[in-house]
Amino acid sequence: MSCADYVKASTGSAKGVLGGVKTGDAEADASMAEMDKAILKVCTKNPKTTLREAMQKAIMEMD
């Protein structure tokens, strides 16, 4: 999946792609929403990047 696809899917949902994932744990749910925002930020800057690369960059930026 490309970042462009991720951005398109994310804009189609009010909570984003990962923000709508419910684990049953409020802390985990908040982490998923935070990760979604970080990935979206990376993907918006670099739409040709793969989702895997964007996830790696997002994790590094979050730490």
PDB file of N, CA and C in Angstrom:
ATOM      1  N   MET A   1       0.849  -1.170   0.000  1.00  0.00           N
ATOM      2  CA  MET A   1       0.000   0.000   0.000  1.00  0.00           C
ATOM      3  C   MET A   1       0.898   1.238   0.000  1.00  0.00           C
ATOM      4  N   SER A   2       0.514   2.196  -0.780  1.00  0.00           N
ATOM      5  CA  SER A   2       1.290   3.440  -0.838  1.00  0.00           C
ATOM      6  C   SER A   2       0.724   4.443   0.163  1.00  0.00           C
ATOM      7  N   CYS A   3       1.512   5.446   0.444  1.00  0.00           N
ATOM      8  CA  CYS A   3       1.045   6.515   1.329  1.00  0.00           C
ATOM      9  C   CYS A   3      -0.156   7.236   0.727  1.00  0.00           C
ATOM     10  N   ALA A   4      -0.156   7.387  -0.574  1.00  0.00           N
ATOM     11  CA  ALA A   4      -1.288   8.059  -1.222  1.00  0.00           C
ATOM     12  C   ALA A   4      -2.584   7.299  -0.940  1.00  0.00           C
ATOM     13  N   ASP A   5      -2.533   5.964  -0.990  1.00  0.00           N
ATOM     14  CA  ASP A   5      -3.707   5.137  -0.679  1.00  0.00           C
ATOM     15  C   ASP A   5      -4.118   5.299   0.785  1.00  0.00           C
ATOM     16  N   TYR A   6      -3.121   5.362   1.659  1.00  0.00           N
ATOM     17  CA  TYR A   6      -3.383   5.514   3.095  1.00  0.00           C
ATOM     18  C   TYR A   6      -4.066   6.851   3.370  1.00  0.00           C
ATOM     19  N   VAL A   7      -3.564   7.911   2.752  1.00  0.00           N
ATOM     20  CA  VAL A   7      -4.157   9.239   2.940  1.00  0.00           C
ATOM     21  C   VAL A   7      -5.592   9.239   2.423  1.00  0.00           C
ATOM     22  N   LYS A   8      -5.809   8.623   1.278  1.00  0.00           N
ATOM     23  CA  LYS A   8      -7.160   8.560   0.698  1.00  0.00           C
ATOM     24  C   LYS A   8      -8.111   7.799   1.626  1.00  0.00           C
ATOM     25  N   ALA A   9      -7.649   6.661   2.162  1.00  0.00           N
ATOM     26  CA  ALA A   9      -8.474   5.865   3.073  1.00  0.00           C
ATOM     27  C   ALA A   9      -8.720   6.613   4.381  1.00  0.00           C
ATOM     28  N   SER A  10      -7.721   7.325   4.827  1.00  0.00           N
ATOM     29  CA  SER A  10      -7.831   8.051   6.090  1.00  0.00           C
ATOM     30  C   SER A  10      -8.808   9.211   5.992  1.00  0.00           C
ATOM     31  N   THR A  11      -8.808   9.904   4.872  1.00  0.00           N
ATOM     32  CA  THR A  11      -9.712  11.043   4.720  1.00  0.00           C
ATOM     33  C   THR A  11     -11.154  10.588   4.545  1.00  0.00           C
ATOM     34  N   GLY A  12     -11.357   9.318   4.213  1.00  0.00           N
ATOM     35  CA  GLY A  12     -12.701   8.785   4.072  1.00  0.00           C
ATOM     36  C   GLY A  12     -13.324   8.390   5.401  1.00  0.00           C
ATOM     37  N   SER A  13     -12.536   8.450   6.474  1.00  0.00           N
ATOM     38  CA  SER A  13     -13.011   8.072   7.801  1.00  0.00           C
ATOM     39  C   SER A  13     -12.743   9.212   8.777  1.00  0.00           C
ATOM     40  N   ALA A  14     -13.708   9.517   9.608  1.00  0.00           N
ATOM     41  CA  ALA A  14     -13.550  10.611  10.573  1.00  0.00           C
ATOM     42  C   ALA A  14     -12.457  10.323  11.596  1.00  0.00           C
ATOM     43  N   LYS A  15     -12.224   9.038  11.896  1.00  0.00           N
ATOM     44  CA  LYS A  15     -11.233   8.665  12.907  1.00  0.00           C
ATOM     45  C   LYS A  15      -9.916   8.227  12.301  1.00  0.00           C
ATOM     46  N   GLY A  16      -9.799   8.236  10.991  1.00  0.00           N
ATOM     47  CA  GLY A  16      -8.580   7.762  10.347  1.00  0.00           C
ATOM     48  C   GLY A  16      -8.615   6.257  10.166  1.00  0.00           C
ATOM     49  N   VAL A  17      -7.562   5.709   9.604  1.00  0.00           N
ATOM     50  CA  VAL A  17      -7.511   4.272   9.326  1.00  0.00           C
ATOM     51  C   VAL A  17      -7.363   3.476  10.616  1.00  0.00           C
ATOM     52  N   LEU A  18      -6.395   3.835  11.437  1.00  0.00           N
ATOM     53  CA  LEU A  18      -6.146   3.102  12.678  1.00  0.00           C
ATOM     54  C   LEU A  18      -6.918   3.666  13.857  1.00  0.00           C
ATOM     55  N   GLY A  19      -7.381   4.876  13.751  1.00  0.00           N
ATOM     56  CA  GLY A  19      -8.105   5.506  14.847  1.00  0.00           C
ATOM     57  C   GLY A  19      -9.420   4.831  15.179  1.00  0.00           C
ATOM     58  N   GLY A  20      -9.983   4.113  14.235  1.00  0.00           N
ATOM     59  CA  GLY A  20     -11.231   3.406  14.474  1.00  0.00           C
ATOM     60  C   GLY A  20     -11.054   2.015  15.052  1.00  0.00           C
ATOM     61  N   VAL A  21      -9.805   1.568  15.210  1.00  0.00           N
ATOM     62  CA  VAL A  21      -9.524   0.246  15.768  1.00  0.00           C
ATOM     63  C   VAL A  21      -9.806   0.282  17.264  1.00  0.00           C
ATOM     64  N   LYS A  22     -10.603  -0.659  17.747  1.00  0.00           N
ATOM     65  CA  LYS A  22     -10.922  -0.731  19.171  1.00  0.00           C
ATOM     66  C   LYS A  22     -10.365  -2.032  19.741  1.00  0.00           C
ATOM     67  N   THR A  23      -9.496  -1.894  20.738  1.00  0.00           N
ATOM     68  CA  THR A  23      -8.852  -3.053  21.356  1.00  0.00           C
ATOM     69  C   THR A  23      -9.510  -3.441  22.668  1.00  0.00           C
ATOM     70  N   GLY A  24     -10.331  -2.559  23.220  1.00  0.00           N
ATOM     71  CA  GLY A  24     -10.921  -2.801  24.527  1.00  0.00           C
ATOM     72  C   GLY A  24     -10.108  -2.164  25.646  1.00  0.00           C
ATOM     73  N   ASP A  25      -8.966  -1.619  25.307  1.00  0.00           N
ATOM     74  CA  ASP A  25      -8.090  -0.950  26.275  1.00  0.00           C
ATOM     75  C   ASP A  25      -7.957   0.504  25.841  1.00  0.00           C
ATOM     76  N   ALA A  26      -8.372   1.412  26.695  1.00  0.00           N
ATOM     77  CA  ALA A  26      -8.371   2.836  26.334  1.00  0.00           C
ATOM     78  C   ALA A  26      -6.980   3.342  25.983  1.00  0.00           C
ATOM     79  N   GLU A  27      -5.969   2.884  26.711  1.00  0.00           N
ATOM     80  CA  GLU A  27      -4.596   3.332  26.440  1.00  0.00           C
ATOM     81  C   GLU A  27      -4.120   2.839  25.073  1.00  0.00           C
ATOM     82  N   ALA A  28      -4.429   1.592  24.749  1.00  0.00           N
ATOM     83  CA  ALA A  28      -4.041   1.040  23.450  1.00  0.00           C
ATOM     84  C   ALA A  28      -4.787   1.745  22.322  1.00  0.00           C
ATOM     85  N   ASP A  29      -6.057   2.034  22.546  1.00  0.00           N
ATOM     86  CA  ASP A  29      -6.842   2.747  21.535  1.00  0.00           C
ATOM     87  C   ASP A  29      -6.260   4.135  21.271  1.00  0.00           C
ATOM     88  N   ALA A  30      -5.843   4.812  22.334  1.00  0.00           N
ATOM     89  CA  ALA A  30      -5.240   6.139  22.187  1.00  0.00           C
ATOM     90  C   ALA A  30      -3.918   6.044  21.436  1.00  0.00           C
ATOM     91  N   SER A  31      -3.156   4.986  21.705  1.00  0.00           N
ATOM     92  CA  SER A  31      -1.879   4.782  21.003  1.00  0.00           C
ATOM     93  C   SER A  31      -2.103   4.541  19.519  1.00  0.00           C
ATOM     94  N   MET A  32      -3.147   3.784  19.188  1.00  0.00           N
ATOM     95  CA  MET A  32      -3.461   3.524  17.780  1.00  0.00           C
ATOM     96  C   MET A  32      -3.836   4.823  17.075  1.00  0.00           C
ATOM     97  N   ALA A  33      -4.615   5.653  17.722  1.00  0.00           N
ATOM     98  CA  ALA A  33      -5.008   6.938  17.130  1.00  0.00           C
ATOM     99  C   ALA A  33      -3.791   7.841  16.949  1.00  0.00           C
ATOM    100  N   GLU A  34      -2.883   7.832  17.931  1.00  0.00           N
ATOM    101  CA  GLU A  34      -1.660   8.634  17.835  1.00  0.00           C
ATOM    102  C   GLU A  34      -0.780   8.139  16.688  1.00  0.00           C
ATOM    103  N   MET A  35      -0.684   6.821  16.552  1.00  0.00           N
ATOM    104  CA  MET A  35       0.116   6.232  15.475  1.00  0.00           C
ATOM    105  C   MET A  35      -0.483   6.601  14.117  1.00  0.00           C
ATOM    106  N   ASP A  36      -1.798   6.563  14.019  1.00  0.00           N
ATOM    107  CA  ASP A  36      -2.476   6.922  12.772  1.00  0.00           C
ATOM    108  C   ASP A  36      -2.137   8.354  12.371  1.00  0.00           C
ATOM    109  N   LYS A  37      -2.159   9.259  13.331  1.00  0.00           N
ATOM    110  CA  LYS A  37      -1.832  10.663  13.047  1.00  0.00           C
ATOM    111  C   LYS A  37      -0.381  10.815  12.601  1.00  0.00           C
ATOM    112  N   ALA A  38       0.521  10.072  13.248  1.00  0.00           N
ATOM    113  CA  ALA A  38       1.942  10.157  12.898  1.00  0.00           C
ATOM    114  C   ALA A  38       2.190   9.612  11.493  1.00  0.00           C
ATOM    115  N   ILE A  39       1.541   8.500  11.154  1.00  0.00           N
ATOM    116  CA  ILE A  39       1.690   7.922   9.813  1.00  0.00           C
ATOM    117  C   ILE A  39       1.116   8.877   8.776  1.00  0.00           C
ATOM    118  N   LEU A  40      -0.032   9.438   9.067  1.00  0.00           N
ATOM    119  CA  LEU A  40      -0.672  10.376   8.136  1.00  0.00           C
ATOM    120  C   LEU A  40       0.214  11.591   7.896  1.00  0.00           C
ATOM    121  N   LYS A  41       0.872  12.070   8.934  1.00  0.00           N
ATOM    122  CA  LYS A  41       1.784  13.210   8.806  1.00  0.00           C
ATOM    123  C   LYS A  41       2.934  12.875   7.857  1.00  0.00           C
ATOM    124  N   VAL A  42       3.533  11.689   8.027  1.00  0.00           N
ATOM    125  CA  VAL A  42       4.640  11.259   7.160  1.00  0.00           C
ATOM    126  C   VAL A  42       4.142  11.073   5.732  1.00  0.00           C
ATOM    127  N   CYS A  43       2.986  10.434   5.588  1.00  0.00           N
ATOM    128  CA  CYS A  43       2.447  10.159   4.255  1.00  0.00           C
ATOM    129  C   CYS A  43       2.058  11.432   3.510  1.00  0.00           C
ATOM    130  N   THR A  44       1.581  12.420   4.234  1.00  0.00           N
ATOM    131  CA  THR A  44       1.204  13.681   3.600  1.00  0.00           C
ATOM    132  C   THR A  44       2.428  14.373   3.014  1.00  0.00           C
ATOM    133  N   LYS A  45       3.546  14.273   3.725  1.00  0.00           N
ATOM    134  CA  LYS A  45       4.789  14.888   3.249  1.00  0.00           C
ATOM    135  C   LYS A  45       5.401  14.111   2.081  1.00  0.00           C
ATOM    136  N   ASN A  46       5.232  12.779   2.083  1.00  0.00           N
ATOM    137  CA  ASN A  46       5.874  11.909   1.084  1.00  0.00           C
ATOM    138  C   ASN A  46       4.869  10.899   0.532  1.00  0.00           C
ATOM    139  N   PRO A  47       3.952  11.308  -0.351  1.00  0.00           N
ATOM    140  CA  PRO A  47       2.896  10.409  -0.826  1.00  0.00           C
ATOM    141  C   PRO A  47       3.381   9.195  -1.625  1.00  0.00           C
ATOM    142  N   LYS A  48       4.611   9.239  -2.140  1.00  0.00           N
ATOM    143  CA  LYS A  48       5.113   8.098  -2.915  1.00  0.00           C
ATOM    144  C   LYS A  48       5.799   7.051  -2.040  1.00  0.00           C
ATOM    145  N   THR A  49       5.950   7.334  -0.753  1.00  0.00           N
ATOM    146  CA  THR A  49       6.567   6.402   0.186  1.00  0.00           C
ATOM    147  C   THR A  49       5.636   5.218   0.405  1.00  0.00           C
ATOM    148  N   THR A  50       6.212   4.045   0.661  1.00  0.00           N
ATOM    149  CA  THR A  50       5.378   2.888   0.986  1.00  0.00           C
ATOM    150  C   THR A  50       4.862   3.036   2.411  1.00  0.00           C
ATOM    151  N   LEU A  51       3.777   2.361   2.705  1.00  0.00           N
ATOM    152  CA  LEU A  51       3.202   2.433   4.042  1.00  0.00           C
ATOM    153  C   LEU A  51       4.181   1.885   5.082  1.00  0.00           C
ATOM    154  N   ARG A  52       4.898   0.844   4.727  1.00  0.00           N
ATOM    155  CA  ARG A  52       5.876   0.262   5.655  1.00  0.00           C
ATOM    156  C   ARG A  52       6.945   1.296   6.040  1.00  0.00           C
ATOM    157  N   GLU A  53       7.479   1.992   5.050  1.00  0.00           N
ATOM    158  CA  GLU A  53       8.485   3.022   5.322  1.00  0.00           C
ATOM    159  C   GLU A  53       7.893   4.151   6.164  1.00  0.00           C
ATOM    160  N   ALA A  54       6.667   4.518   5.861  1.00  0.00           N
ATOM    161  CA  ALA A  54       6.008   5.589   6.611  1.00  0.00           C
ATOM    162  C   ALA A  54       5.800   5.182   8.067  1.00  0.00           C
ATOM    163  N   MET A  55       5.434   3.929   8.294  1.00  0.00           N
ATOM    164  CA  MET A  55       5.244   3.442   9.660  1.00  0.00           C
ATOM    165  C   MET A  55       6.563   3.489  10.426  1.00  0.00           C
ATOM    166  N   GLN A  56       7.633   3.078   9.780  1.00  0.00           N
ATOM    167  CA  GLN A  56       8.944   3.108  10.429  1.00  0.00           C
ATOM    168  C   GLN A  56       9.348   4.538  10.773  1.00  0.00           C
ATOM    169  N   LYS A  57       9.149   5.459   9.845  1.00  0.00           N
ATOM    170  CA  LYS A  57       9.487   6.869  10.095  1.00  0.00           C
ATOM    171  C   LYS A  57       8.612   7.442  11.210  1.00  0.00           C
ATOM    172  N   ALA A  58       7.344   7.083  11.206  1.00  0.00           N
ATOM    173  CA  ALA A  58       6.420   7.585  12.225  1.00  0.00           C
ATOM    174  C   ALA A  58       6.830   7.102  13.614  1.00  0.00           C
ATOM    175  N   ILE A  59       7.229   5.850  13.713  1.00  0.00           N
ATOM    176  CA  ILE A  59       7.664   5.308  15.005  1.00  0.00           C
ATOM    177  C   ILE A  59       8.905   6.036  15.494  1.00  0.00           C
ATOM    178  N   MET A  60       9.844   6.282  14.595  1.00  0.00           N
ATOM    179  CA  MET A  60      11.062   6.995  14.987  1.00  0.00           C
ATOM    180  C   MET A  60      10.745   8.421  15.434  1.00  0.00           C
ATOM    181  N   GLU A  61       9.810   9.064  14.762  1.00  0.00           N
ATOM    182  CA  GLU A  61       9.440  10.432  15.125  1.00  0.00           C
ATOM    183  C   GLU A  61       8.685  10.486  16.452  1.00  0.00           C
ATOM    184  N   MET A  62       7.965   9.424  16.786  1.00  0.00           N
ATOM    185  CA  MET A  62       7.197   9.388  18.025  1.00  0.00           C
ATOM    186  C   MET A  62       8.093   9.159  19.239  1.00  0.00           C
ATOM    187  N   ASP A  63       9.209   8.493  19.050  1.00  0.00           N
ATOM    188  CA  ASP A  63      10.094   8.177  20.192  1.00  0.00           C
ATOM    189  C   ASP A  63      10.883   9.339  20.662  1.00  0.00           C
TER     190      ASP A  63
END
